[in-house]
C-alpha atoms as a PDB file:
ATOM      1  CA  MET A   1       5.290 -21.291   5.089  1.00  0.00           C
ATOM      2  CA  LYS A   2       5.902 -21.025   8.859  1.00  0.00           C
ATOM      3  CA  ARG A   3       8.546 -18.301   9.492  1.00  0.00           C
ATOM      4  CA  VAL A   4       7.286 -14.745   8.797  1.00  0.00           C
ATOM      5  CA  ALA A   5       9.111 -11.461   8.953  1.00  0.00           C
ATOM      6  CA  VAL A   6       6.838  -8.435   8.895  1.00  0.00           C
ATOM      7  CA  ILE A   7       8.626  -5.226   7.894  1.00  0.00           C
ATOM      8  CA  PHE A   8       6.398  -2.747   9.374  1.00  0.00           C
ATOM      9  CA  ASN A   9       6.355   0.958   8.866  1.00  0.00           C
ATOM     10  CA  PRO A  10       4.365   2.460  11.713  1.00  0.00           C
ATOM     11  CA  ALA A  11       4.311   5.951  10.119  1.00  0.00           C
ATOM     12  CA  ALA A  12       2.484   4.673   7.020  1.00  0.00           C
ATOM     13  CA  GLY A  13      -1.027   6.150   6.295  1.00  0.00           C
ATOM     14  CA  ASN A  14      -0.335   8.999   8.578  1.00  0.00           C
ATOM     15  CA  GLY A  15       0.315   6.665  11.563  1.00  0.00           C
ATOM     16  CA  VAL A  16      -2.986   4.639  10.970  1.00  0.00           C
ATOM     17  CA  LEU A  17      -1.136   1.460  10.196  1.00  0.00           C
ATOM     18  CA  GLY A  18       0.873   1.645  13.499  1.00  0.00           C
ATOM     19  CA  LYS A  19      -2.316   1.405  15.528  1.00  0.00           C
ATOM     20  CA  LEU A  20      -3.066  -2.002  13.823  1.00  0.00           C
ATOM     21  CA  GLU A  21       0.157  -3.688  14.747  1.00  0.00           C
ATOM     22  CA  ASP A  22      -1.330  -5.983  17.482  1.00  0.00           C
ATOM     23  CA  GLN A  23      -4.267  -6.847  15.476  1.00  0.00           C
ATOM     24  CA  ILE A  24      -2.280  -7.700  12.405  1.00  0.00           C
ATOM     25  CA  LYS A  25       0.249 -10.008  14.356  1.00  0.00           C
ATOM     26  CA  GLU A  26      -2.609 -11.699  15.998  1.00  0.00           C
ATOM     27  CA  ILE A  27      -4.190 -12.558  12.544  1.00  0.00           C
ATOM     28  CA  LEU A  28      -1.021 -13.757  11.150  1.00  0.00           C
ATOM     29  CA  GLU A  29      -0.245 -16.002  14.055  1.00  0.00           C
ATOM     30  CA  THR A  30      -3.505 -18.009  13.453  1.00  0.00           C
ATOM     31  CA  ASP A  31      -1.822 -19.462  10.379  1.00  0.00           C
ATOM     32  CA  PHE A  32       1.937 -19.038  10.689  1.00  0.00           C
ATOM     33  CA  SER A  33       3.953 -20.479  13.709  1.00  0.00           C
ATOM     34  CA  ASP A  34       6.680 -17.909  13.793  1.00  0.00           C
ATOM     35  CA  VAL A  35       5.797 -14.211  13.298  1.00  0.00           C
ATOM     36  CA  VAL A  36       8.192 -11.508  13.987  1.00  0.00           C
ATOM     37  CA  ILE A  37       7.513  -7.865  13.449  1.00  0.00           C
ATOM     38  CA  TYR A  38      10.376  -5.480  12.678  1.00  0.00           C
ATOM     39  CA  LYS A  39       9.370  -1.829  13.006  1.00  0.00           C
ATOM     40  CA  THR A  40      11.292   0.497  10.626  1.00  0.00           C
ATOM     41  CA  ASN A  41      12.638   3.880  11.894  1.00  0.00           C
ATOM     42  CA  GLN A  42      14.369   5.164   8.955  1.00  0.00           C
ATOM     43  CA  PRO A  43      14.936   4.621   5.177  1.00  0.00           C
ATOM     44  CA  GLY A  44      16.910   1.460   4.472  1.00  0.00           C
ATOM     45  CA  HIS A  45      16.203  -0.051   7.869  1.00  0.00           C
ATOM     46  CA  GLY A  46      13.647  -2.697   6.335  1.00  0.00           C
ATOM     47  CA  ALA A  47      16.148  -3.675   3.540  1.00  0.00           C
ATOM     48  CA  ASN A  48      18.967  -4.262   5.981  1.00  0.00           C
ATOM     49  CA  VAL A  49      16.695  -6.559   8.017  1.00  0.00           C
ATOM     50  CA  VAL A  50      15.857  -8.377   4.843  1.00  0.00           C
ATOM     51  CA  LYS A  51      19.333  -8.886   3.699  1.00  0.00           C
ATOM     52  CA  LYS A  52      20.271 -10.328   7.240  1.00  0.00           C
ATOM     53  CA  LEU A  53      17.330 -12.663   7.369  1.00  0.00           C
ATOM     54  CA  GLY A  54      17.889 -13.927   3.706  1.00  0.00           C
ATOM     55  CA  SER A  55      16.599 -17.477   3.383  1.00  0.00           C
ATOM     56  CA  HIS A  56      16.124 -17.858   7.238  1.00  0.00           C
ATOM     57  CA  VAL A  57      12.466 -17.077   6.812  1.00  0.00           C
ATOM     58  CA  ASP A  58       9.789 -18.216   4.530  1.00  0.00           C
ATOM     59  CA  LEU A  59       7.838 -15.103   3.872  1.00  0.00           C
ATOM     60  CA  VAL A  60       8.621 -11.291   4.076  1.00  0.00           C
ATOM     61  CA  ILE A  61       5.593  -9.125   4.473  1.00  0.00           C
ATOM     62  CA  ALA A  62       5.930  -5.346   3.482  1.00  0.00           C
ATOM     63  CA  ALA A  63       3.467  -3.393   5.759  1.00  0.00           C
ATOM     64  CA  GLY A  64       3.530   0.091   4.488  1.00  0.00           C
ATOM     65  CA  GLY A  65       3.247   2.119   1.418  1.00  0.00           C
ATOM     66  CA  ASP A  66       4.873   1.859  -1.998  1.00  0.00           C
ATOM     67  CA  GLY A  67       8.130   3.247  -0.653  1.00  0.00           C
ATOM     68  CA  THR A  68       8.470   0.336   1.753  1.00  0.00           C
ATOM     69  CA  VAL A  69       7.478  -2.091  -0.986  1.00  0.00           C
ATOM     70  CA  HIS A  70      10.116  -0.670  -3.337  1.00  0.00           C
ATOM     71  CA  GLU A  71      12.762  -0.759  -0.698  1.00  0.00           C
ATOM     72  CA  LEU A  72      12.148  -4.327   0.257  1.00  0.00           C
ATOM     73  CA  ILE A  73      11.808  -5.673  -3.380  1.00  0.00           C
ATOM     74  CA  ASN A  74      15.382  -4.189  -3.946  1.00  0.00           C
ATOM     75  CA  ALA A  75      16.725  -6.005  -1.101  1.00  0.00           C
ATOM     76  CA  LEU A  76      14.969  -9.370  -1.925  1.00  0.00           C
ATOM     77  CA  ALA A  77      15.569  -9.338  -5.800  1.00  0.00           C
ATOM     78  CA  PRO A  78      19.382 -10.002  -5.585  1.00  0.00           C
ATOM     79  CA  LEU A  79      19.233 -12.749  -3.072  1.00  0.00           C
ATOM     80  CA  PRO A  80      20.292 -16.160  -4.485  1.00  0.00           C
ATOM     81  CA  VAL A  81      17.501 -17.762  -2.403  1.00  0.00           C
ATOM     82  CA  ARG A  82      14.449 -15.594  -1.926  1.00  0.00           C
ATOM     83  CA  PRO A  83      11.645 -15.964   0.621  1.00  0.00           C
ATOM     84  CA  ALA A  84       8.125 -15.377  -0.626  1.00  0.00           C
ATOM     85  CA  PHE A  85       6.869 -11.718  -0.554  1.00  0.00           C
ATOM     86  CA  ALA A  86       3.509 -10.201   0.577  1.00  0.00           C
ATOM     87  CA  ILE A  87       2.141  -6.722   0.956  1.00  0.00           C
ATOM     88  CA  ILE A  88      -0.222  -5.265   3.603  1.00  0.00           C
ATOM     89  CA  PRO A  89      -1.073  -1.977   1.961  1.00  0.00           C
ATOM     90  CA  GLY A  90      -0.764   1.168   4.099  1.00  0.00           C
ATOM     91  CA  GLY A  91       0.050   4.195   1.824  1.00  0.00           C
ATOM     92  CA  THR A  92      -1.819   6.333  -0.607  1.00  0.00           C
ATOM     93  CA  SER A  93      -1.533   4.477  -3.994  1.00  0.00           C
ATOM     94  CA  ASN A  94      -0.480   1.135  -2.887  1.00  0.00           C
ATOM     95  CA  ASP A  95       0.057   0.465  -6.610  1.00  0.00           C
ATOM     96  CA  PHE A  96       1.274  -3.242  -6.704  1.00  0.00           C
ATOM     97  CA  SER A  97      -0.868  -4.450  -3.882  1.00  0.00           C
ATOM     98  CA  ARG A  98      -3.855  -3.467  -6.199  1.00  0.00           C
ATOM     99  CA  GLU A  99      -2.049  -5.323  -9.035  1.00  0.00           C
ATOM    100  CA  ILE A 100      -2.143  -8.640  -7.138  1.00  0.00           C
ATOM    101  CA  GLY A 101      -5.632  -8.263  -5.881  1.00  0.00           C
ATOM    102  CA  MET A 102      -4.946  -7.380  -2.180  1.00  0.00           C
ATOM    103  CA  LEU A 103      -7.637  -5.487  -0.433  1.00  0.00           C
ATOM    104  CA  GLN A 104      -6.899  -1.901   0.485  1.00  0.00           C
ATOM    105  CA  GLN A 105      -7.949  -2.340   4.181  1.00  0.00           C
ATOM    106  CA  PRO A 106      -4.855  -3.490   6.129  1.00  0.00           C
ATOM    107  CA  ILE A 107      -6.821  -5.876   8.329  1.00  0.00           C
ATOM    108  CA  ARG A 108      -8.673  -7.528   5.442  1.00  0.00           C
ATOM    109  CA  ALA A 109      -5.336  -7.781   3.392  1.00  0.00           C
ATOM    110  CA  THR A 110      -3.711  -9.496   6.398  1.00  0.00           C
ATOM    111  CA  GLU A 111      -6.529 -12.035   6.394  1.00  0.00           C
ATOM    112  CA  GLN A 112      -5.990 -12.632   2.634  1.00  0.00           C
ATOM    113  CA  ILE A 113      -2.387 -13.477   3.333  1.00  0.00           C
ATOM    114  CA  THR A 114      -3.254 -16.152   5.694  1.00  0.00           C
ATOM    115  CA  ALA A 115      -4.821 -18.070   2.751  1.00  0.00           C
ATOM    116  CA  LYS A 116      -1.402 -18.445   1.219  1.00  0.00           C
ATOM    117  CA  GLN A 117      -2.422 -18.304  -2.270  1.00  0.00           C
ATOM    118  CA  THR A 118       0.841 -17.484  -4.374  1.00  0.00           C
ATOM    119  CA  LYS A 119       1.835 -16.489  -7.874  1.00  0.00           C
ATOM    120  CA  TRP A 120       5.350 -16.173  -9.469  1.00  0.00           C
ATOM    121  CA  ILE A 121       5.564 -12.637 -10.854  1.00  0.00           C
ATOM    122  CA  ASP A 122       8.077 -10.877 -13.172  1.00  0.00           C
ATOM    123  CA  ILE A 123       9.998  -7.899 -11.945  1.00  0.00           C
ATOM    124  CA  GLY A 124      12.127  -5.199 -13.748  1.00  0.00           C
ATOM    125  CA  GLN A 125      15.762  -4.526 -13.384  1.00  0.00           C
ATOM    126  CA  SER A 126      17.282  -1.138 -14.367  1.00  0.00           C
ATOM    127  CA  ASP A 127      21.013  -1.528 -13.867  1.00  0.00           C
ATOM    128  CA  GLN A 128      21.440  -2.115 -10.343  1.00  0.00           C
ATOM    129  CA  HIS A 129      17.811  -1.228  -9.293  1.00  0.00           C
ATOM    130  CA  TYR A 130      14.664  -3.299  -9.302  1.00  0.00           C
ATOM    131  CA  PHE A 131      11.000  -2.303  -9.906  1.00  0.00           C
ATOM    132  CA  LEU A 132       7.598  -3.876  -9.689  1.00  0.00           C
ATOM    133  CA  ASN A 133       5.477  -1.215 -11.402  1.00  0.00           C
ATOM    134  CA  PHE A 134       7.250   1.237 -13.585  1.00  0.00           C
ATOM    135  CA  TRP A 135      10.286   2.815 -14.866  1.00  0.00           C
ATOM    136  CA  GLY A 136       9.895   6.453 -16.182  1.00  0.00           C
ATOM    137  CA  ILE A 137      11.848   9.407 -17.386  1.00  0.00           C
ATOM    138  CA  GLY A 138      10.705  12.862 -18.400  1.00  0.00           C
ATOM    139  CA  LEU A 139       7.497  14.475 -17.192  1.00  0.00           C
ATOM    140  CA  ILE A 140       6.878  11.698 -14.598  1.00  0.00           C
ATOM    141  CA  THR A 141       9.997  12.882 -12.650  1.00  0.00           C
ATOM    142  CA  GLN A 142       9.821  16.698 -12.913  1.00  0.00           C
ATOM    143  CA  VAL A 143       7.401  17.955 -10.172  1.00  0.00           C
ATOM    144  CA  SER A 144       7.092  14.784  -8.139  1.00  0.00           C
ATOM    145  CA  GLU A 145       8.230  16.570  -4.999  1.00  0.00           C
ATOM    146  CA  THR A 146       5.134  18.944  -5.252  1.00  0.00           C
ATOM    147  CA  VAL A 147       2.535  16.273  -5.103  1.00  0.00           C
ATOM    148  CA  ASP A 148      -0.417  17.050  -2.971  1.00  0.00           C
ATOM    149  CA  SER A 149      -2.189  13.972  -1.377  1.00  0.00           C
ATOM    150  CA  ASN A 150      -5.744  14.982  -2.011  1.00  0.00           C
ATOM    151  CA  SER A 151      -4.978  15.475  -5.767  1.00  0.00           C
ATOM    152  CA  LYS A 152      -3.176  12.013  -5.926  1.00  0.00           C
ATOM    153  CA  GLN A 153      -6.456  10.484  -4.546  1.00  0.00           C
ATOM    154  CA  ASN A 154      -8.670  12.430  -7.155  1.00  0.00           C
ATOM    155  CA  ILE A 155      -6.828  11.849 -10.434  1.00  0.00           C
ATOM    156  CA  GLY A 156      -3.775   9.802  -9.605  1.00  0.00           C
ATOM    157  CA  ARG A 157      -0.239  10.852  -9.190  1.00  0.00           C
ATOM    158  CA  LEU A 158       0.754  10.846 -12.778  1.00  0.00           C
ATOM    159  CA  ALA A 159      -2.019  12.947 -13.977  1.00  0.00           C
ATOM    160  CA  TYR A 160      -1.218  15.555 -11.184  1.00  0.00           C
ATOM    161  CA  TYR A 161       2.381  15.646 -12.313  1.00  0.00           C
ATOM    162  CA  LEU A 162       1.225  16.425 -15.895  1.00  0.00           C
ATOM    163  CA  LYS A 163      -1.225  18.924 -14.887  1.00  0.00           C
ATOM    164  CA  THR A 164       1.097  20.866 -12.730  1.00  0.00           C
ATOM    165  CA  ILE A 165       3.884  20.852 -15.329  1.00  0.00           C
ATOM    166  CA  GLN A 166       1.507  22.104 -17.948  1.00  0.00           C
ATOM    167  CA  SER A 167       0.266  24.967 -15.981  1.00  0.00           C
ATOM    168  CA  MET A 168       3.846  25.965 -15.246  1.00  0.00           C
ATOM    169  CA  ASN A 169       4.706  25.803 -18.885  1.00  0.00           C
ATOM    170  CA  LYS A 170       7.774  23.631 -18.098  1.00  0.00           C
ATOM    171  CA  VAL A 171       7.399  20.745 -20.563  1.00  0.00           C
ATOM    172  CA  ASN A 172      11.153  19.963 -21.146  1.00  0.00           C
ATOM    173  CA  GLY A 173      11.692  17.406 -24.112  1.00  0.00           C
ATOM    174  CA  PHE A 174      14.754  15.304 -24.686  1.00  0.00           C
ATOM    175  CA  GLN A 175      16.257  13.259 -27.348  1.00  0.00           C
ATOM    176  CA  PHE A 176      16.287   9.575 -27.015  1.00  0.00           C
ATOM    177  CA  LYS A 177      17.748   6.404 -28.626  1.00  0.00           C
ATOM    178  CA  ILE A 178      15.988   3.138 -27.702  1.00  0.00           C
ATOM    179  CA  GLU A 179      17.643  -0.177 -28.745  1.00  0.00           C
ATOM    180  CA  THR A 180      15.674  -3.481 -28.567  1.00  0.00           C
ATOM    181  CA  GLU A 181      16.310  -6.936 -29.920  1.00  0.00           C
ATOM    182  CA  LYS A 182      13.934  -5.977 -32.868  1.00  0.00           C
ATOM    183  CA  GLU A 183      14.781  -2.345 -33.734  1.00  0.00           C
ATOM    184  CA  THR A 184      16.384   0.984 -32.819  1.00  0.00           C
ATOM    185  CA  ILE A 185      14.262   4.143 -32.440  1.00  0.00           C
ATOM    186  CA  GLU A 186      15.707   7.593 -32.314  1.00  0.00           C
ATOM    187  CA  ASP A 187      13.407  10.632 -31.918  1.00  0.00           C
ATOM    188  CA  ASP A 188      12.297  13.314 -29.322  1.00  0.00           C
ATOM    189  CA  ALA A 189       9.986  12.901 -26.419  1.00  0.00           C
ATOM    190  CA  VAL A 190       8.718  14.343 -23.193  1.00  0.00           C
ATOM    191  CA  MET A 191       8.137  11.106 -21.333  1.00  0.00           C
ATOM    192  CA  ILE A 192       9.064   7.406 -21.589  1.00  0.00           C
ATOM    193  CA  ILE A 193       7.210   4.872 -19.330  1.00  0.00           C
ATOM    194  CA  VAL A 194       8.131   1.192 -19.094  1.00  0.00           C
ATOM    195  CA  GLY A 195       5.436  -0.716 -17.325  1.00  0.00           C
ATOM    196  CA  ASN A 196       5.452  -4.013 -15.567  1.00  0.00           C
ATOM    197  CA  GLY A 197       2.365  -3.715 -13.533  1.00  0.00           C
ATOM    198  CA  THR A 198      -0.800  -1.901 -14.656  1.00  0.00           C
ATOM    199  CA  TYR A 199      -1.253   0.725 -11.888  1.00  0.00           C
ATOM    200  CA  ILE A 200       0.607   3.957 -11.592  1.00  0.00           C
ATOM    201  CA  GLY A 201      -0.476   6.335  -8.890  1.00  0.00           C
ATOM    202  CA  GLY A 202      -3.542   4.356  -8.029  1.00  0.00           C
ATOM    203  CA  ILE A 203      -4.970   4.475 -11.684  1.00  0.00           C
ATOM    204  CA  ARG A 204      -4.928   1.713 -14.330  1.00  0.00           C
ATOM    205  CA  ALA A 205      -5.144   3.860 -17.551  1.00  0.00           C
ATOM    206  CA  LEU A 206      -1.752   3.302 -19.112  1.00  0.00           C
ATOM    207  CA  PHE A 207      -1.444  -0.509 -19.247  1.00  0.00           C
ATOM    208  CA  PRO A 208      -4.717  -2.130 -18.529  1.00  0.00           C
ATOM    209  CA  GLN A 209      -3.849  -5.221 -20.586  1.00  0.00           C
ATOM    210  CA  GLY A 210      -0.590  -5.697 -18.957  1.00  0.00           C
ATOM    211  CA  ASP A 211       0.484  -9.113 -17.468  1.00  0.00           C
ATOM    212  CA  ILE A 212       2.984  -9.502 -14.702  1.00  0.00           C
ATOM    213  CA  GLN A 213       3.645 -13.061 -15.927  1.00  0.00           C
ATOM    214  CA  ASP A 214       4.208 -12.733 -19.610  1.00  0.00           C
ATOM    215  CA  GLY A 215       7.919 -11.754 -19.431  1.00  0.00           C
ATOM    216  CA  LEU A 216       7.462  -8.538 -21.284  1.00  0.00           C
ATOM    217  CA  PHE A 217       7.334  -4.832 -20.594  1.00  0.00           C
ATOM    218  CA  ASP A 218       4.764  -2.456 -22.007  1.00  0.00           C
ATOM    219  CA  VAL A 219       6.454   0.768 -23.191  1.00  0.00           C
ATOM    220  CA  LEU A 220       4.862   4.104 -24.042  1.00  0.00           C
ATOM    221  CA  ILE A 221       6.983   6.892 -25.574  1.00  0.00           C
ATOM    222  CA  ILE A 222       5.024  10.208 -25.307  1.00  0.00           C
ATOM    223  CA  LYS A 223       5.814  13.003 -27.731  1.00  0.00           C
ATOM    224  CA  GLU A 224       5.133  16.583 -26.901  1.00  0.00           C
ATOM    225  CA  ALA A 225       2.088  16.996 -29.328  1.00  0.00           C
ATOM    226  CA  SER A 226       0.250  14.202 -27.425  1.00  0.00           C
ATOM    227  CA  VAL A 227       0.545  15.588 -23.892  1.00  0.00           C
ATOM    228  CA  GLN A 228      -2.966  17.109 -23.712  1.00  0.00           C
ATOM    229  CA  ALA A 229      -4.543  14.070 -25.079  1.00  0.00           C
ATOM    230  CA  PHE A 230      -2.637  11.848 -22.760  1.00  0.00           C
ATOM    231  CA  LEU A 231      -3.586  13.967 -19.753  1.00  0.00           C
ATOM    232  CA  SER A 232      -7.292  13.744 -20.896  1.00  0.00           C
ATOM    233  CA  MET A 233      -6.886   9.945 -21.030  1.00  0.00           C
ATOM    234  CA  LEU A 234      -5.428   9.760 -17.505  1.00  0.00           C
ATOM    235  CA  GLN A 235      -8.112  11.981 -15.866  1.00  0.00           C
ATOM    236  CA  SER A 236     -11.016   9.937 -17.687  1.00  0.00           C
ATOM    237  CA  LYS A 237      -9.081   6.685 -16.773  1.00  0.00           C
ATOM    238  CA  VAL A 238      -9.579   5.310 -20.350  1.00  0.00           C
ATOM    239  CA  GLY A 239      -6.802   2.972 -21.483  1.00  0.00           C
ATOM    240  CA  ILE A 240      -4.474   3.810 -24.344  1.00  0.00           C
ATOM    241  CA  GLN A 241      -5.968   1.017 -26.452  1.00  0.00           C
ATOM    242  CA  ASN A 242      -9.087   2.984 -26.838  1.00  0.00           C
ATOM    243  CA  GLN A 243      -7.308   6.108 -27.969  1.00  0.00           C
ATOM    244  CA  ASN A 244      -6.167   7.452 -31.425  1.00  0.00           C
ATOM    245  CA  MET A 245      -2.810   9.045 -30.602  1.00  0.00           C
ATOM    246  CA  GLU A 246      -0.453   9.052 -33.273  1.00  0.00           C
ATOM    247  CA  GLU A 247       2.110  10.873 -31.269  1.00  0.00           C
ATOM    248  CA  ILE A 248       2.315   7.993 -28.689  1.00  0.00           C
ATOM    249  CA  ILE A 249       4.672   5.183 -29.590  1.00  0.00           C
ATOM    250  CA  PRO A 250       3.745   1.620 -27.865  1.00  0.00           C
ATOM    251  CA  LEU A 251       6.169  -1.223 -27.754  1.00  0.00           C
ATOM    252  CA  GLN A 252       6.353  -4.535 -25.970  1.00  0.00           C
ATOM    253  CA  GLU A 253       9.972  -5.757 -25.092  1.00  0.00           C
ATOM    254  CA  ASN A 254      11.737  -7.822 -22.581  1.00  0.00           C
ATOM    255  CA  ARG A 255      15.095  -5.841 -22.667  1.00  0.00           C
ATOM    256  CA  ILE A 256      15.654  -2.103 -23.697  1.00  0.00           C
ATOM    257  CA  LYS A 257      18.700   0.057 -23.798  1.00  0.00           C
ATOM    258  CA  ILE A 258      17.996   3.687 -23.438  1.00  0.00           C
ATOM    259  CA  GLN A 259      20.261   6.735 -23.977  1.00  0.00           C
ATOM    260  CA  THR A 260      19.005  10.336 -23.817  1.00  0.00           C
ATOM    261  CA  THR A 261      20.294  13.784 -24.487  1.00  0.00           C
ATOM    262  CA  PRO A 262      20.387  15.388 -21.971  1.00  0.00           C
ATOM    263  CA  ASN A 263      20.601  12.554 -19.399  1.00  0.00           C
ATOM    264  CA  GLN A 264      17.306  12.166 -17.510  1.00  0.00           C
ATOM    265  CA  LYS A 265      16.578  11.448 -13.924  1.00  0.00           C
ATOM    266  CA  ILE A 266      14.988   7.893 -13.622  1.00  0.00           C
ATOM    267  CA  ASP A 267      11.885   7.172 -11.566  1.00  0.00           C
ATOM    268  CA  CYS A 268      11.386   3.474 -10.540  1.00  0.00           C
ATOM    269  CA  ASP A 269       8.036   3.104  -8.693  1.00  0.00           C
ATOM    270  CA  GLY A 270       8.301   6.406  -7.332  1.00  0.00           C
ATOM    271  CA  GLU A 271      11.874   6.534  -6.230  1.00  0.00           C
ATOM    272  CA  ARG A 272      14.503   8.564  -8.035  1.00  0.00           C
ATOM    273  CA  LYS A 273      18.089   7.355  -7.553  1.00  0.00           C
ATOM    274  CA  SER A 274      19.851   7.166 -10.988  1.00  0.00           C
ATOM    275  CA  ASP A 275      20.064   8.732 -14.443  1.00  0.00           C
ATOM    276  CA  THR A 276      20.215   7.677 -17.993  1.00  0.00           C
ATOM    277  CA  PRO A 277      21.614   5.891 -19.767  1.00  0.00           C
ATOM    278  CA  SER A 278      20.139   2.571 -18.616  1.00  0.00           C
ATOM    279  CA  THR A 279      19.643  -0.915 -19.664  1.00  0.00           C
ATOM    280  CA  ILE A 280      16.223  -2.389 -18.493  1.00  0.00           C
ATOM    281  CA  LYS A 281      15.320  -5.995 -18.529  1.00  0.00           C
ATOM    282  CA  VAL A 282      12.517  -8.367 -17.265  1.00  0.00           C
ATOM    283  CA  LEU A 283      13.429 -11.022 -14.717  1.00  0.00           C
ATOM    284  CA  PRO A 284      10.716 -13.570 -15.496  1.00  0.00           C
ATOM    285  CA  LYS A 285       8.710 -15.042 -12.543  1.00  0.00           C
ATOM    286  CA  HIS A 286      11.509 -13.854 -10.139  1.00  0.00           C
ATOM    287  CA  ILE A 287       9.561 -13.553  -6.995  1.00  0.00           C
ATOM    288  CA  GLN A 288       6.845 -15.641  -5.466  1.00  0.00           C
ATOM    289  CA  MET A 289       4.075 -13.407  -3.981  1.00  0.00           C
ATOM    290  CA  ILE A 290       1.009 -13.974  -1.994  1.00  0.00           C
ATOM    291  CA  ILE A 291      -1.898 -12.671  -3.932  1.00  0.00           C
ATOM    292  CA  GLY A 292      -5.495 -11.885  -3.157  1.00  0.00           C
ATOM    293  CA  GLN A 293      -8.316 -13.961  -4.269  1.00  0.00           C
END
């Protein structure tokens, strides 16, 4: 790897990341001969840069939070020839950077990138959108706009969603039909989460045994009767494997077709851009990523 494009969000981390730009570039230039930093100034800017560069660079680095990572993975995934991908975490949760072992201090993560240790990882595709961590409908999308950063840090974004919705008594259920290669399930639920990575909102309670190289999604169907127990699990950060919850249905699949009544807003890695119905599939070992040691 020689040619590097750094898609840099200077506003990430309340502007803290922007103050580290010169230091980050200096570290990268010790091991890469051609380093160019592209500072983003609006949503979609970084994706446009990646689409124009295409295979003309060897490595794309997302320097920013989960929103920046999600934007760039959606630009990279459809390319016929894809450069490698790396993350310098600069947001609050930094979920997928944790998944691949990146240190959460931007300078230390930059130093890890210079080691050039790589892994081919699975990503998810939901119709025309791509995701690294999770796909979700139901509770996870209902009050996401009200998230407070301190609460995110204390119990994780997902637990905060649930706690807020419960306090407002606005748990809205829906009917669903899930079709897989092995079975069809029709029932009622308040939330369905499809996991590729193991972190959601900075916590690792849902899919602690998940594997980003196994070609499978971990799926949780949460029925209304299990919401309180599920919230307790998130707050204690104890995995689903250690719980006795009859009202939570776990699955492992590589392709899922989901229909709901009524249609549900879809959350892909914290971004909400489409609604059900949806077909979700694993793209095995689709992206080469630089990982932490």
